[in-house]
Amino acid sequence: MRLLLLSVVVLAGAAGDVCVARAMRASGEGGGAWATAARAVRNTFLWLGVLWKAIAFFSFLWLLTLADLSWVVPATAVSFVLEVIAAKFFLRETISATRWAGVLCVCLGVAFISL
């Protein structure tokens, strides 16, 4: 059950971040913070992102009832890996070699914690 909840936290959290990023990019920069916010709340991807982040948050709370914080928080770092991959393919971001090295470090860290 812990691994299933961890998967939900990681996948939903990453999906939420990608959706929010896409919505904010579509909202543009012109007109100041309030104008940007007004455009963002009309974007479906913003609300999808909020939904995914809510699912991740409540799954995280449930996971904390089953596992130690010292295991849960480092294990959820896998979401950083998924977010970089999603940024590359869904948001068309350019990922530098330094960032890929960071992704590798996160993977190794999560592997060590899991042992």
PDB file of N, CA and C in Angstrom:
ATOM      1  N   MET A   1       0.818  -1.189   0.000  1.00  0.00           N
ATOM      2  CA  MET A   1       0.000   0.000   0.000  1.00  0.00           C
ATOM      3  C   MET A   1       0.866   1.258   0.000  1.00  0.00           C
ATOM      4  N   ARG A   2       2.006   1.191   0.732  1.00  0.00           N
ATOM      5  CA  ARG A   2       2.889   2.363   0.774  1.00  0.00           C
ATOM      6  C   ARG A   2       3.433   2.721  -0.601  1.00  0.00           C
ATOM      7  N   LEU A   3       3.846   1.722  -1.359  1.00  0.00           N
ATOM      8  CA  LEU A   3       4.402   2.004  -2.686  1.00  0.00           C
ATOM      9  C   LEU A   3       3.338   2.528  -3.644  1.00  0.00           C
ATOM     10  N   LEU A   4       2.115   2.039  -3.515  1.00  0.00           N
ATOM     11  CA  LEU A   4       1.028   2.559  -4.345  1.00  0.00           C
ATOM     12  C   LEU A   4       0.760   4.024  -4.013  1.00  0.00           C
ATOM     13  N   LEU A   5       0.674   4.346  -2.735  1.00  0.00           N
ATOM     14  CA  LEU A   5       0.458   5.739  -2.333  1.00  0.00           C
ATOM     15  C   LEU A   5       1.626   6.624  -2.744  1.00  0.00           C
ATOM     16  N   LEU A   6       2.831   6.116  -2.596  1.00  0.00           N
ATOM     17  CA  LEU A   6       4.006   6.880  -3.033  1.00  0.00           C
ATOM     18  C   LEU A   6       3.921   7.176  -4.519  1.00  0.00           C
ATOM     19  N   SER A   7       3.501   6.192  -5.297  1.00  0.00           N
ATOM     20  CA  SER A   7       3.354   6.396  -6.742  1.00  0.00           C
ATOM     21  C   SER A   7       2.317   7.470  -7.047  1.00  0.00           C
ATOM     22  N   VAL A   8       1.219   7.458  -6.309  1.00  0.00           N
ATOM     23  CA  VAL A   8       0.177   8.468  -6.520  1.00  0.00           C
ATOM     24  C   VAL A   8       0.718   9.854  -6.174  1.00  0.00           C
ATOM     25  N   VAL A   9       1.429   9.967  -5.051  1.00  0.00           N
ATOM     26  CA  VAL A   9       1.996  11.255  -4.640  1.00  0.00           C
ATOM     27  C   VAL A   9       2.938  11.781  -5.713  1.00  0.00           C
ATOM     28  N   VAL A  10       3.822  10.939  -6.183  1.00  0.00           N
ATOM     29  CA  VAL A  10       4.828  11.350  -7.169  1.00  0.00           C
ATOM     30  C   VAL A  10       4.190  11.702  -8.510  1.00  0.00           C
ATOM     31  N   LEU A  11       3.352  10.820  -9.028  1.00  0.00           N
ATOM     32  CA  LEU A  11       2.759  11.048 -10.343  1.00  0.00           C
ATOM     33  C   LEU A  11       1.780  12.222 -10.338  1.00  0.00           C
ATOM     34  N   ALA A  12       0.939  12.289  -9.328  1.00  0.00           N
ATOM     35  CA  ALA A  12      -0.035  13.382  -9.263  1.00  0.00           C
ATOM     36  C   ALA A  12       0.665  14.718  -9.028  1.00  0.00           C
ATOM     37  N   GLY A  13       1.686  14.718  -8.182  1.00  0.00           N
ATOM     38  CA  GLY A  13       2.429  15.952  -7.934  1.00  0.00           C
ATOM     39  C   GLY A  13       3.132  16.463  -9.180  1.00  0.00           C
ATOM     40  N   ALA A  14       3.753  15.553  -9.910  1.00  0.00           N
ATOM     41  CA  ALA A  14       4.439  15.945 -11.146  1.00  0.00           C
ATOM     42  C   ALA A  14       3.437  16.421 -12.188  1.00  0.00           C
ATOM     43  N   ALA A  15       2.317  15.717 -12.325  1.00  0.00           N
ATOM     44  CA  ALA A  15       1.283  16.130 -13.283  1.00  0.00           C
ATOM     45  C   ALA A  15       0.749  17.509 -12.926  1.00  0.00           C
ATOM     46  N   GLY A  16       0.557  17.751 -11.633  1.00  0.00           N
ATOM     47  CA  GLY A  16       0.071  19.058 -11.198  1.00  0.00           C
ATOM     48  C   GLY A  16       1.039  20.177 -11.529  1.00  0.00           C
ATOM     49  N   ASP A  17       2.307  19.943 -11.283  1.00  0.00           N
ATOM     50  CA  ASP A  17       3.309  20.973 -11.576  1.00  0.00           C
ATOM     51  C   ASP A  17       3.389  21.273 -13.070  1.00  0.00           C
ATOM     52  N   VAL A  18       3.328  20.236 -13.890  1.00  0.00           N
ATOM     53  CA  VAL A  18       3.403  20.432 -15.338  1.00  0.00           C
ATOM     54  C   VAL A  18       2.174  21.189 -15.841  1.00  0.00           C
ATOM     55  N   CYS A  19       0.998  20.822 -15.333  1.00  0.00           N
ATOM     56  CA  CYS A  19      -0.231  21.517 -15.751  1.00  0.00           C
ATOM     57  C   CYS A  19      -0.202  22.989 -15.339  1.00  0.00           C
ATOM     58  N   VAL A  20       0.224  23.267 -14.120  1.00  0.00           N
ATOM     59  CA  VAL A  20       0.287  24.657 -13.661  1.00  0.00           C
ATOM     60  C   VAL A  20       1.305  25.443 -14.484  1.00  0.00           C
ATOM     61  N   ALA A  21       2.447  24.848 -14.772  1.00  0.00           N
ATOM     62  CA  ALA A  21       3.460  25.536 -15.574  1.00  0.00           C
ATOM     63  C   ALA A  21       2.921  25.850 -16.968  1.00  0.00           C
ATOM     64  N   ARG A  22       2.220  24.892 -17.554  1.00  0.00           N
ATOM     65  CA  ARG A  22       1.654  25.126 -18.888  1.00  0.00           C
ATOM     66  C   ARG A  22       0.617  26.253 -18.850  1.00  0.00           C
ATOM     67  N   ALA A  23      -0.219  26.252 -17.827  1.00  0.00           N
ATOM     68  CA  ALA A  23      -1.230  27.301 -17.702  1.00  0.00           C
ATOM     69  C   ALA A  23      -0.594  28.677 -17.530  1.00  0.00           C
ATOM     70  N   MET A  24       0.444  28.756 -16.725  1.00  0.00           N
ATOM     71  CA  MET A  24       1.060  30.047 -16.469  1.00  0.00           C
ATOM     72  C   MET A  24       1.800  30.558 -17.695  1.00  0.00           C
ATOM     73  N   ARG A  25       2.405  29.670 -18.444  1.00  0.00           N
ATOM     74  CA  ARG A  25       3.060  30.097 -19.687  1.00  0.00           C
ATOM     75  C   ARG A  25       2.042  30.616 -20.689  1.00  0.00           C
ATOM     76  N   ALA A  26       0.894  29.974 -20.739  1.00  0.00           N
ATOM     77  CA  ALA A  26      -0.154  30.411 -21.660  1.00  0.00           C
ATOM     78  C   ALA A  26      -0.759  31.743 -21.222  1.00  0.00           C
ATOM     79  N   SER A  27      -0.655  32.047 -19.932  1.00  0.00           N
ATOM     80  CA  SER A  27      -1.238  33.290 -19.398  1.00  0.00           C
ATOM     81  C   SER A  27      -0.422  34.510 -19.784  1.00  0.00           C
ATOM     82  N   GLY A  28       0.843  34.315 -20.097  1.00  0.00           N
ATOM     83  CA  GLY A  28       1.688  35.424 -20.525  1.00  0.00           C
ATOM     84  C   GLY A  28       2.122  36.319 -19.378  1.00  0.00           C
ATOM     85  N   GLU A  29       2.892  37.347 -19.733  1.00  0.00           N
ATOM     86  CA  GLU A  29       3.478  38.231 -18.727  1.00  0.00           C
ATOM     87  C   GLU A  29       2.882  39.626 -18.725  1.00  0.00           C
ATOM     88  N   GLY A  30       2.173  39.991 -19.757  1.00  0.00           N
ATOM     89  CA  GLY A  30       1.727  41.374 -19.895  1.00  0.00           C
ATOM     90  C   GLY A  30       0.616  41.762 -18.934  1.00  0.00           C
ATOM     91  N   GLY A  31       0.649  43.004 -18.473  1.00  0.00           N
ATOM     92  CA  GLY A  31      -0.437  43.539 -17.682  1.00  0.00           C
ATOM     93  C   GLY A  31      -0.295  43.436 -16.184  1.00  0.00           C
ATOM     94  N   GLY A  32       0.775  42.898 -15.683  1.00  0.00           N
ATOM     95  CA  GLY A  32       0.974  42.827 -14.242  1.00  0.00           C
ATOM     96  C   GLY A  32       0.432  41.537 -13.636  1.00  0.00           C
ATOM     97  N   ALA A  33       0.627  41.421 -12.325  1.00  0.00           N
ATOM     98  CA  ALA A  33       0.292  40.184 -11.610  1.00  0.00           C
ATOM     99  C   ALA A  33      -1.202  39.886 -11.622  1.00  0.00           C
ATOM    100  N   TRP A  34      -2.030  40.891 -11.400  1.00  0.00           N
ATOM    101  CA  TRP A  34      -3.473  40.662 -11.350  1.00  0.00           C
ATOM    102  C   TRP A  34      -4.016  40.257 -12.713  1.00  0.00           C
ATOM    103  N   ALA A  35      -3.547  40.872 -13.765  1.00  0.00           N
ATOM    104  CA  ALA A  35      -3.998  40.515 -15.119  1.00  0.00           C
ATOM    105  C   ALA A  35      -3.563  39.102 -15.475  1.00  0.00           C
ATOM    106  N   THR A  36      -2.344  38.745 -15.087  1.00  0.00           N
ATOM    107  CA  THR A  36      -1.863  37.386 -15.338  1.00  0.00           C
ATOM    108  C   THR A  36      -2.696  36.380 -14.569  1.00  0.00           C
ATOM    109  N   ALA A  37      -2.986  36.681 -13.308  1.00  0.00           N
ATOM    110  CA  ALA A  37      -3.802  35.789 -12.483  1.00  0.00           C
ATOM    111  C   ALA A  37      -5.204  35.642 -13.070  1.00  0.00           C
ATOM    112  N   ALA A  38      -5.775  36.735 -13.552  1.00  0.00           N
ATOM    113  CA  ALA A  38      -7.112  36.688 -14.149  1.00  0.00           C
ATOM    114  C   ALA A  38      -7.126  35.798 -15.390  1.00  0.00           C
ATOM    115  N   ARG A  39      -6.072  35.867 -16.184  1.00  0.00           N
ATOM    116  CA  ARG A  39      -5.981  34.995 -17.368  1.00  0.00           C
ATOM    117  C   ARG A  39      -5.769  33.549 -16.940  1.00  0.00           C
ATOM    118  N   ALA A  40      -4.972  33.341 -15.913  1.00  0.00           N
ATOM    119  CA  ALA A  40      -4.644  31.977 -15.477  1.00  0.00           C
ATOM    120  C   ALA A  40      -5.878  31.238 -14.963  1.00  0.00           C
ATOM    121  N   VAL A  41      -6.746  31.914 -14.207  1.00  0.00           N
ATOM    122  CA  VAL A  41      -7.905  31.209 -13.639  1.00  0.00           C
ATOM    123  C   VAL A  41      -8.902  30.776 -14.706  1.00  0.00           C
ATOM    124  N   ARG A  42      -8.779  31.310 -15.899  1.00  0.00           N
ATOM    125  CA  ARG A  42      -9.643  30.896 -17.006  1.00  0.00           C
ATOM    126  C   ARG A  42      -9.028  29.748 -17.820  1.00  0.00           C
ATOM    127  N   ASN A  43      -7.846  29.307 -17.416  1.00  0.00           N
ATOM    128  CA  ASN A  43      -7.144  28.252 -18.146  1.00  0.00           C
ATOM    129  C   ASN A  43      -7.452  26.890 -17.514  1.00  0.00           C
ATOM    130  N   THR A  44      -7.925  25.968 -18.311  1.00  0.00           N
ATOM    131  CA  THR A  44      -8.277  24.626 -17.832  1.00  0.00           C
ATOM    132  C   THR A  44      -7.085  23.916 -17.204  1.00  0.00           C
ATOM    133  N   PHE A  45      -5.895  24.136 -17.752  1.00  0.00           N
ATOM    134  CA  PHE A  45      -4.717  23.457 -17.215  1.00  0.00           C
ATOM    135  C   PHE A  45      -4.405  23.896 -15.782  1.00  0.00           C
ATOM    136  N   LEU A  46      -4.725  25.124 -15.432  1.00  0.00           N
ATOM    137  CA  LEU A  46      -4.514  25.558 -14.049  1.00  0.00           C
ATOM    138  C   LEU A  46      -5.376  24.732 -13.102  1.00  0.00           C
ATOM    139  N   TRP A  47      -6.636  24.542 -13.453  1.00  0.00           N
ATOM    140  CA  TRP A  47      -7.541  23.788 -12.589  1.00  0.00           C
ATOM    141  C   TRP A  47      -7.202  22.304 -12.570  1.00  0.00           C
ATOM    142  N   LEU A  48      -6.727  21.776 -13.686  1.00  0.00           N
ATOM    143  CA  LEU A  48      -6.235  20.395 -13.687  1.00  0.00           C
ATOM    144  C   LEU A  48      -5.030  20.264 -12.761  1.00  0.00           C
ATOM    145  N   GLY A  49      -4.146  21.259 -12.816  1.00  0.00           N
ATOM    146  CA  GLY A  49      -2.978  21.255 -11.940  1.00  0.00           C
ATOM    147  C   GLY A  49      -3.371  21.306 -10.477  1.00  0.00           C
ATOM    148  N   VAL A  50      -4.348  22.133 -10.141  1.00  0.00           N
ATOM    149  CA  VAL A  50      -4.824  22.222  -8.754  1.00  0.00           C
ATOM    150  C   VAL A  50      -5.418  20.881  -8.315  1.00  0.00           C
ATOM    151  N   LEU A  51      -6.192  20.256  -9.194  1.00  0.00           N
ATOM    152  CA  LEU A  51      -6.770  18.946  -8.872  1.00  0.00           C
ATOM    153  C   LEU A  51      -5.677  17.911  -8.612  1.00  0.00           C
ATOM    154  N   TRP A  52      -4.698  17.832  -9.517  1.00  0.00           N
ATOM    155  CA  TRP A  52      -3.604  16.863  -9.343  1.00  0.00           C
ATOM    156  C   TRP A  52      -2.810  17.136  -8.068  1.00  0.00           C
ATOM    157  N   LYS A  53      -2.556  18.421  -7.782  1.00  0.00           N
ATOM    158  CA  LYS A  53      -1.799  18.760  -6.570  1.00  0.00           C
ATOM    159  C   LYS A  53      -2.599  18.408  -5.311  1.00  0.00           C
ATOM    160  N   ALA A  54      -3.920  18.565  -5.356  1.00  0.00           N
ATOM    161  CA  ALA A  54      -4.758  18.187  -4.210  1.00  0.00           C
ATOM    162  C   ALA A  54      -4.717  16.676  -3.998  1.00  0.00           C
ATOM    163  N   ILE A  55      -4.789  15.917  -5.088  1.00  0.00           N
ATOM    164  CA  ILE A  55      -4.686  14.461  -4.980  1.00  0.00           C
ATOM    165  C   ILE A  55      -3.340  14.074  -4.386  1.00  0.00           C
ATOM    166  N   ALA A  56      -2.277  14.720  -4.843  1.00  0.00           N
ATOM    167  CA  ALA A  56      -0.940  14.430  -4.315  1.00  0.00           C
ATOM    168  C   ALA A  56      -0.859  14.762  -2.828  1.00  0.00           C
ATOM    169  N   PHE A  57      -1.417  15.908  -2.436  1.00  0.00           N
ATOM    170  CA  PHE A  57      -1.344  16.338  -1.032  1.00  0.00           C
ATOM    171  C   PHE A  57      -2.067  15.366  -0.109  1.00  0.00           C
ATOM    172  N   PHE A  58      -3.301  14.998  -0.456  1.00  0.00           N
ATOM    173  CA  PHE A  58      -4.053  14.105   0.417  1.00  0.00           C
ATOM    174  C   PHE A  58      -3.481  12.689   0.419  1.00  0.00           C
ATOM    175  N   SER A  59      -2.909  12.267  -0.689  1.00  0.00           N
ATOM    176  CA  SER A  59      -2.209  10.977  -0.718  1.00  0.00           C
ATOM    177  C   SER A  59      -0.958  11.026   0.152  1.00  0.00           C
ATOM    178  N   PHE A  60      -0.277  12.162   0.141  1.00  0.00           N
ATOM    179  CA  PHE A  60       0.900  12.363   0.995  1.00  0.00           C
ATOM    180  C   PHE A  60       0.502  12.248   2.467  1.00  0.00           C
ATOM    181  N   LEU A  61      -0.596  12.885   2.838  1.00  0.00           N
ATOM    182  CA  LEU A  61      -1.063  12.795   4.232  1.00  0.00           C
ATOM    183  C   LEU A  61      -1.373  11.353   4.612  1.00  0.00           C
ATOM    184  N   TRP A  62      -2.042  10.640   3.721  1.00  0.00           N
ATOM    185  CA  TRP A  62      -2.377   9.244   3.981  1.00  0.00           C
ATOM    186  C   TRP A  62      -1.107   8.411   4.096  1.00  0.00           C
ATOM    187  N   LEU A  63      -0.152   8.668   3.228  1.00  0.00           N
ATOM    188  CA  LEU A  63       1.117   7.941   3.266  1.00  0.00           C
ATOM    189  C   LEU A  63       1.840   8.160   4.593  1.00  0.00           C
ATOM    190  N   LEU A  64       1.729   9.370   5.127  1.00  0.00           N
ATOM    191  CA  LEU A  64       2.379   9.646   6.416  1.00  0.00           C
ATOM    192  C   LEU A  64       1.767   8.854   7.572  1.00  0.00           C
ATOM    193  N   THR A  65       0.537   8.382   7.417  1.00  0.00           N
ATOM    194  CA  THR A  65      -0.054   7.535   8.455  1.00  0.00           C
ATOM    195  C   THR A  65       0.507   6.118   8.404  1.00  0.00           C
ATOM    196  N   LEU A  66       1.130   5.767   7.270  1.00  0.00           N
ATOM    197  CA  LEU A  66       1.634   4.408   7.077  1.00  0.00           C
ATOM    198  C   LEU A  66       3.148   4.281   7.131  1.00  0.00           C
ATOM    199  N   ALA A  67       3.855   5.388   6.954  1.00  0.00           N
ATOM    200  CA  ALA A  67       5.316   5.313   6.851  1.00  0.00           C
ATOM    201  C   ALA A  67       5.955   6.508   7.562  1.00  0.00           C
ATOM    202  N   ASP A  68       7.221   6.351   7.869  1.00  0.00           N
ATOM    203  CA  ASP A  68       7.977   7.405   8.547  1.00  0.00           C
ATOM    204  C   ASP A  68       8.266   8.566   7.604  1.00  0.00           C
ATOM    205  N   LEU A  69       8.241   9.762   8.155  1.00  0.00           N
ATOM    206  CA  LEU A  69       8.558  10.964   7.391  1.00  0.00           C
ATOM    207  C   LEU A  69       9.952  10.870   6.784  1.00  0.00           C
ATOM    208  N   SER A  70      10.884  10.270   7.526  1.00  0.00           N
ATOM    209  CA  SER A  70      12.263  10.158   7.045  1.00  0.00           C
ATOM    210  C   SER A  70      12.387   9.258   5.817  1.00  0.00           C
ATOM    211  N   TRP A  71      11.377   8.455   5.541  1.00  0.00           N
ATOM    212  CA  TRP A  71      11.338   7.655   4.315  1.00  0.00           C
ATOM    213  C   TRP A  71      10.489   8.343   3.250  1.00  0.00           C
ATOM    214  N   VAL A  72       9.363   8.902   3.645  1.00  0.00           N
ATOM    215  CA  VAL A  72       8.399   9.466   2.698  1.00  0.00           C
ATOM    216  C   VAL A  72       8.987  10.646   1.928  1.00  0.00           C
ATOM    217  N   VAL A  73       9.547  11.608   2.636  1.00  0.00           N
ATOM    218  CA  VAL A  73      10.011  12.826   1.961  1.00  0.00           C
ATOM    219  C   VAL A  73      11.129  12.537   0.961  1.00  0.00           C
ATOM    220  N   PRO A  74      12.172  11.810   1.333  1.00  0.00           N
ATOM    221  CA  PRO A  74      13.196  11.515   0.309  1.00  0.00           C
ATOM    222  C   PRO A  74      12.647  10.678  -0.852  1.00  0.00           C
ATOM    223  N   ALA A  75      11.743   9.760  -0.586  1.00  0.00           N
ATOM    224  CA  ALA A  75      11.197   8.918  -1.654  1.00  0.00           C
ATOM    225  C   ALA A  75      10.377   9.739  -2.644  1.00  0.00           C
ATOM    226  N   THR A  76       9.713  10.766  -2.163  1.00  0.00           N
ATOM    227  CA  THR A  76       8.927  11.601  -3.075  1.00  0.00           C
ATOM    228  C   THR A  76       9.808  12.481  -3.952  1.00  0.00           C
ATOM    229  N   ALA A  77      11.098  12.514  -3.691  1.00  0.00           N
ATOM    230  CA  ALA A  77      12.018  13.286  -4.529  1.00  0.00           C
ATOM    231  C   ALA A  77      12.074  12.753  -5.949  1.00  0.00           C
ATOM    232  N   VAL A  78      11.584  11.540  -6.161  1.00  0.00           N
ATOM    233  CA  VAL A  78      11.523  10.984  -7.506  1.00  0.00           C
ATOM    234  C   VAL A  78      10.674  11.890  -8.399  1.00  0.00           C
ATOM    235  N   SER A  79       9.775  12.652  -7.808  1.00  0.00           N
ATOM    236  CA  SER A  79       8.936  13.553  -8.610  1.00  0.00           C
ATOM    237  C   SER A  79       9.792  14.567  -9.369  1.00  0.00           C
ATOM    238  N   PHE A  80      10.948  14.951  -8.811  1.00  0.00           N
ATOM    239  CA  PHE A  80      11.831  15.879  -9.515  1.00  0.00           C
ATOM    240  C   PHE A  80      12.316  15.267 -10.824  1.00  0.00           C
ATOM    241  N   VAL A  81      12.591  13.992 -10.800  1.00  0.00           N
ATOM    242  CA  VAL A  81      13.038  13.291 -12.010  1.00  0.00           C
ATOM    243  C   VAL A  81      11.926  13.311 -13.060  1.00  0.00           C
ATOM    244  N   LEU A  82      10.721  12.954 -12.639  1.00  0.00           N
ATOM    245  CA  LEU A  82       9.596  12.943 -13.573  1.00  0.00           C
ATOM    246  C   LEU A  82       9.303  14.335 -14.113  1.00  0.00           C
ATOM    247  N   GLU A  83       9.441  15.341 -13.276  1.00  0.00           N
ATOM    248  CA  GLU A  83       9.166  16.703 -13.712  1.00  0.00           C
ATOM    249  C   GLU A  83      10.170  17.187 -14.759  1.00  0.00           C
ATOM    250  N   VAL A  84      11.422  16.814 -14.609  1.00  0.00           N
ATOM    251  CA  VAL A  84      12.422  17.200 -15.613  1.00  0.00           C
ATOM    252  C   VAL A  84      12.119  16.501 -16.939  1.00  0.00           C
ATOM    253  N   ILE A  85      11.769  15.226 -16.866  1.00  0.00           N
ATOM    254  CA  ILE A  85      11.428  14.490 -18.091  1.00  0.00           C
ATOM    255  C   ILE A  85      10.173  15.081 -18.728  1.00  0.00           C
ATOM    256  N   ALA A  86       9.177  15.392 -17.917  1.00  0.00           N
ATOM    257  CA  ALA A  86       7.938  15.993 -18.440  1.00  0.00           C
ATOM    258  C   ALA A  86       8.209  17.375 -19.035  1.00  0.00           C
ATOM    259  N   ALA A  87       9.084  18.135 -18.397  1.00  0.00           N
ATOM    260  CA  ALA A  87       9.427  19.464 -18.924  1.00  0.00           C
ATOM    261  C   ALA A  87      10.076  19.334 -20.294  1.00  0.00           C
ATOM    262  N   LYS A  88      10.889  18.322 -20.463  1.00  0.00           N
ATOM    263  CA  LYS A  88      11.563  18.093 -21.746  1.00  0.00           C
ATOM    264  C   LYS A  88      10.561  17.744 -22.842  1.00  0.00           C
ATOM    265  N   PHE A  89       9.642  16.818 -22.558  1.00  0.00           N
ATOM    266  CA  PHE A  89       8.774  16.295 -23.604  1.00  0.00           C
ATOM    267  C   PHE A  89       7.444  17.021 -23.741  1.00  0.00           C
ATOM    268  N   PHE A  90       6.854  17.458 -22.632  1.00  0.00           N
ATOM    269  CA  PHE A  90       5.540  18.100 -22.715  1.00  0.00           C
ATOM    270  C   PHE A  90       5.622  19.622 -22.824  1.00  0.00           C
ATOM    271  N   LEU A  91       6.622  20.207 -22.162  1.00  0.00           N
ATOM    272  CA  LEU A  91       6.756  21.661 -22.198  1.00  0.00           C
ATOM    273  C   LEU A  91       7.831  22.111 -23.177  1.00  0.00           C
ATOM    274  N   ARG A  92       8.529  21.153 -23.776  1.00  0.00           N
ATOM    275  CA  ARG A  92       9.564  21.431 -24.777  1.00  0.00           C
ATOM    276  C   ARG A  92      10.710  22.281 -24.231  1.00  0.00           C
ATOM    277  N   GLU A  93      11.063  22.042 -22.971  1.00  0.00           N
ATOM    278  CA  GLU A  93      12.182  22.775 -22.368  1.00  0.00           C
ATOM    279  C   GLU A  93      13.500  22.131 -22.766  1.00  0.00           C
ATOM    280  N   THR A  94      14.540  22.943 -22.813  1.00  0.00           N
ATOM    281  CA  THR A  94      15.888  22.438 -23.039  1.00  0.00           C
ATOM    282  C   THR A  94      16.504  22.141 -21.677  1.00  0.00           C
ATOM    283  N   ILE A  95      16.955  20.917 -21.499  1.00  0.00           N
ATOM    284  CA  ILE A  95      17.524  20.495 -20.223  1.00  0.00           C
ATOM    285  C   ILE A  95      19.034  20.379 -20.391  1.00  0.00           C
ATOM    286  N   SER A  96      19.770  21.123 -19.583  1.00  0.00           N
ATOM    287  CA  SER A  96      21.228  21.132 -19.684  1.00  0.00           C
ATOM    288  C   SER A  96      21.824  19.843 -19.101  1.00  0.00           C
ATOM    289  N   ALA A  97      23.081  19.612 -19.434  1.00  0.00           N
ATOM    290  CA  ALA A  97      23.795  18.444 -18.896  1.00  0.00           C
ATOM    291  C   ALA A  97      23.892  18.513 -17.375  1.00  0.00           C
ATOM    292  N   THR A  98      24.013  19.717 -16.841  1.00  0.00           N
ATOM    293  CA  THR A  98      24.091  19.882 -15.387  1.00  0.00           C
ATOM    294  C   THR A  98      22.785  19.435 -14.727  1.00  0.00           C
ATOM    295  N   ARG A  99      21.665  19.777 -15.343  1.00  0.00           N
ATOM    296  CA  ARG A  99      20.374  19.349 -14.780  1.00  0.00           C
ATOM    297  C   ARG A  99      20.210  17.839 -14.868  1.00  0.00           C
ATOM    298  N   TRP A 100      20.657  17.241 -15.986  1.00  0.00           N
ATOM    299  CA  TRP A 100      20.581  15.781 -16.089  1.00  0.00           C
ATOM    300  C   TRP A 100      21.460  15.118 -15.025  1.00  0.00           C
ATOM    301  N   ALA A 101      22.603  15.727 -14.740  1.00  0.00           N
ATOM    302  CA  ALA A 101      23.463  15.200 -13.670  1.00  0.00           C
ATOM    303  C   ALA A 101      22.749  15.297 -12.331  1.00  0.00           C
ATOM    304  N   GLY A 102      22.020  16.380 -12.120  1.00  0.00           N
ATOM    305  CA  GLY A 102      21.233  16.521 -10.900  1.00  0.00           C
ATOM    306  C   GLY A 102      20.155  15.461 -10.791  1.00  0.00           C
ATOM    307  N   VAL A 103      19.523  15.153 -11.913  1.00  0.00           N
ATOM    308  CA  VAL A 103      18.501  14.098 -11.943  1.00  0.00           C
ATOM    309  C   VAL A 103      19.126  12.770 -11.542  1.00  0.00           C
ATOM    310  N   LEU A 104      20.313  12.494 -12.064  1.00  0.00           N
ATOM    311  CA  LEU A 104      21.009  11.261 -11.704  1.00  0.00           C
ATOM    312  C   LEU A 104      21.313  11.225 -10.208  1.00  0.00           C
ATOM    313  N   CYS A 105      21.745  12.341  -9.648  1.00  0.00           N
ATOM    314  CA  CYS A 105      22.024  12.412  -8.203  1.00  0.00           C
ATOM    315  C   CYS A 105      20.768  12.149  -7.379  1.00  0.00           C
ATOM    316  N   VAL A 106      19.652  12.709  -7.810  1.00  0.00           N
ATOM    317  CA  VAL A 106      18.387  12.469  -7.100  1.00  0.00           C
ATOM    318  C   VAL A 106      18.034  10.988  -7.150  1.00  0.00           C
ATOM    319  N   CYS A 107      18.189  10.371  -8.325  1.00  0.00           N
ATOM    320  CA  CYS A 107      17.909   8.944  -8.456  1.00  0.00           C
ATOM    321  C   CYS A 107      18.769   8.113  -7.517  1.00  0.00           C
ATOM    322  N   LEU A 108      20.035   8.437  -7.466  1.00  0.00           N
ATOM    323  CA  LEU A 108      20.937   7.696  -6.577  1.00  0.00           C
ATOM    324  C   LEU A 108      20.563   7.919  -5.107  1.00  0.00           C
ATOM    325  N   GLY A 109      20.210   9.133  -4.771  1.00  0.00           N
ATOM    326  CA  GLY A 109      19.803   9.430  -3.392  1.00  0.00           C
ATOM    327  C   GLY A 109      18.561   8.675  -2.985  1.00  0.00           C
ATOM    328  N   VAL A 110      17.585   8.636  -3.862  1.00  0.00           N
ATOM    329  CA  VAL A 110      16.348   7.891  -3.575  1.00  0.00           C
ATOM    330  C   VAL A 110      16.658   6.401  -3.442  1.00  0.00           C
ATOM    331  N   ALA A 111      17.534   5.889  -4.279  1.00  0.00           N
ATOM    332  CA  ALA A 111      17.910   4.477  -4.193  1.00  0.00           C
ATOM    333  C   ALA A 111      18.556   4.165  -2.848  1.00  0.00           C
ATOM    334  N   PHE A 112      19.443   5.032  -2.396  1.00  0.00           N
ATOM    335  CA  PHE A 112      20.099   4.831  -1.093  1.00  0.00           C
ATOM    336  C   PHE A 112      19.098   4.870   0.055  1.00  0.00           C
ATOM    337  N   ILE A 113      18.163   5.811   0.002  1.00  0.00           N
ATOM    338  CA  ILE A 113      17.156   5.921   1.056  1.00  0.00           C
ATOM    339  C   ILE A 113      16.263   4.693   1.073  1.00  0.00           C
ATOM    340  N   SER A 114      15.948   4.167  -0.105  1.00  0.00           N
ATOM    341  CA  SER A 114      15.049   3.025  -0.196  1.00  0.00           C
ATOM    342  C   SER A 114      15.655   1.763   0.406  1.00  0.00           C
ATOM    343  N   LEU A 115      16.970   1.697   0.380  1.00  0.00           N
ATOM    344  CA  LEU A 115      17.623   0.512   0.951  1.00  0.00           C
ATOM    345  C   LEU A 115      17.490   0.519   2.447  1.00  0.00           C
TER     346      LEU A 115
END
